[in-house]
Structure formats: structure tokens, C-alpha cells
Amino acid sequence: MSDPGGVAGDQLRAFVERIERLEEEKKVISDDIKDVYAEAKGNGFDVKILRKVVSLRKKQPHEREEEEAVLDLYLHALGMAGGAGGGEG
């Protein structure tokens, strides 16, 4: 049945409650991820690099290659590639 204004109140409430439960689950998972990064840091791993590795693993090989090529192009344009402390080129 519809409530005033044509809004199905029970259905709307169900959607809102589902979203709220999922948001809480997302927060718990986010906290768990932070704990894993903290554990990795405690074991001597560089968290910034670890985050980069996780990000790279989400991408297809051709996407990574394209990004690396553009990064290399930009580093060369800025004179940052090839020298001490520069990129891999």
C-alpha cells in the first residue's frame, strides 16, 4: 500500500534499513583493513607501497602498462627520469 504522497513507506523503510546495515558492515571491513595495514607496518612493510601494490593488482595488465608509459612520459618531460632518484627509464 502507498502512504500519503504515493510513497510506499514499508518498502522505503526496508531500503533505508538495508543501506544502514551495509554501511555498518562497510565500516567494520574498513576497520579490519586498517588493522591489517597496521600489522604489516609492525612487521616492517612500507604501507604506502603496500597500498600501491593492492591498487595495481586490481588493474588489468594493459591498464598498468598504459599508466606506466604515461608516467614515464611525464617524468621524462619533467627531467626526472634516468638520473639519481629518478624513474626507471
Protein backbone atom coordinates (compact mmCIF):
# COMPACT_ATOMS: atom_id res chain seq x y z
CA MET A 1 0.00 0.00 0.00
CA SER A 2 1.01 3.57 -0.57
CA ASP A 3 1.33 6.15 2.13
CA PRO A 4 0.39 9.79 1.63
CA GLY A 5 2.24 11.28 -1.31
CA GLY A 6 2.37 7.95 -3.14
CA VAL A 7 5.42 6.66 -1.23
CA ALA A 8 5.40 3.03 -0.13
CA GLY A 9 6.57 3.61 3.44
CA ASP A 10 7.30 -0.01 4.33
CA GLN A 11 9.34 -0.55 1.18
CA LEU A 12 11.22 2.71 1.69
CA ARG A 13 11.95 1.81 5.32
CA ALA A 14 13.26 -1.59 4.22
CA PHE A 15 15.64 0.02 1.71
CA VAL A 16 16.90 2.51 4.29
CA GLU A 17 17.46 -0.23 6.87
CA ARG A 18 19.33 -2.39 4.35
CA ILE A 19 21.54 0.55 3.42
CA GLU A 20 22.22 1.28 7.09
CA ARG A 21 23.23 -2.35 7.74
CA LEU A 22 25.53 -2.35 4.72
CA GLU A 23 27.10 0.95 5.79
CA GLU A 24 27.85 -0.58 9.20
CA GLU A 25 29.35 -3.67 7.56
CA LYS A 26 31.45 -1.41 5.34
CA LYS A 27 32.77 0.42 8.42
CA VAL A 28 33.69 -2.88 10.10
CA ILE A 29 35.50 -4.07 6.96
CA SER A 30 37.29 -0.72 6.64
CA ASP A 31 38.47 -1.02 10.24
CA ASP A 32 39.68 -4.57 9.55
CA ILE A 33 41.66 -3.35 6.54
CA LYS A 34 43.28 -0.63 8.67
CA ASP A 35 44.24 -3.29 11.21
CA VAL A 36 45.89 -5.41 8.52
CA TYR A 37 47.89 -2.42 7.25
CA ALA A 38 48.94 -1.63 10.84
CA GLU A 39 50.03 -5.24 11.31
CA ALA A 40 52.02 -5.13 8.06
CA LYS A 41 53.68 -1.88 9.20
CA GLY A 42 54.53 -3.51 12.52
CA ASN A 43 56.28 -6.26 10.57
CA GLY A 44 58.42 -3.76 8.68
CA PHE A 45 56.46 -3.33 5.46
CA ASP A 46 56.04 0.07 3.84
CA VAL A 47 52.28 0.70 3.99
CA LYS A 48 52.31 3.32 1.23
CA ILE A 49 53.94 0.85 -1.16
CA LEU A 50 51.66 -1.95 0.03
CA ARG A 51 48.62 0.20 -0.81
CA LYS A 52 50.10 0.82 -4.26
CA VAL A 53 50.62 -2.91 -4.81
CA VAL A 54 46.99 -3.61 -3.84
CA SER A 55 45.85 -0.88 -6.22
CA LEU A 56 47.97 -2.25 -9.08
CA ARG A 57 46.67 -5.79 -8.57
CA LYS A 58 43.13 -4.53 -9.18
CA LYS A 59 44.08 -3.40 -12.69
CA GLN A 60 44.43 -5.37 -15.88
CA PRO A 61 47.99 -5.73 -17.22
CA HIS A 62 47.29 -3.44 -20.20
CA GLU A 63 45.95 -0.75 -17.84
CA ARG A 64 49.11 -0.92 -15.70
CA GLU A 65 51.33 -0.78 -18.79
CA GLU A 66 49.47 2.24 -20.13
CA GLU A 67 49.74 4.07 -16.80
CA GLU A 68 53.44 3.25 -16.53
CA ALA A 69 54.05 4.53 -20.06
CA VAL A 70 52.26 7.81 -19.34
CA LEU A 71 54.09 8.16 -16.01
CA ASP A 72 57.41 7.57 -17.77
CA LEU A 73 56.50 10.16 -20.41
CA TYR A 74 55.65 12.73 -17.74
CA LEU A 75 58.82 12.01 -15.75
CA HIS A 76 60.93 12.44 -18.87
CA ALA A 77 59.16 15.70 -19.69
CA LEU A 78 59.99 16.97 -16.20
CA GLY A 79 63.61 15.78 -16.41
CA MET A 80 63.01 13.34 -13.55
CA ALA A 81 63.70 10.05 -15.32
CA GLY A 82 67.02 8.29 -15.67
CA GLY A 83 69.03 10.26 -13.11
CA ALA A 84 69.80 9.64 -9.47
CA GLY A 85 66.50 9.26 -7.66
CA GLY A 86 64.64 9.40 -10.96
CA GLY A 87 62.35 6.89 -12.58
CA GLU A 88 63.21 3.61 -14.20
CA GLY A 89 63.88 4.96 -17.65
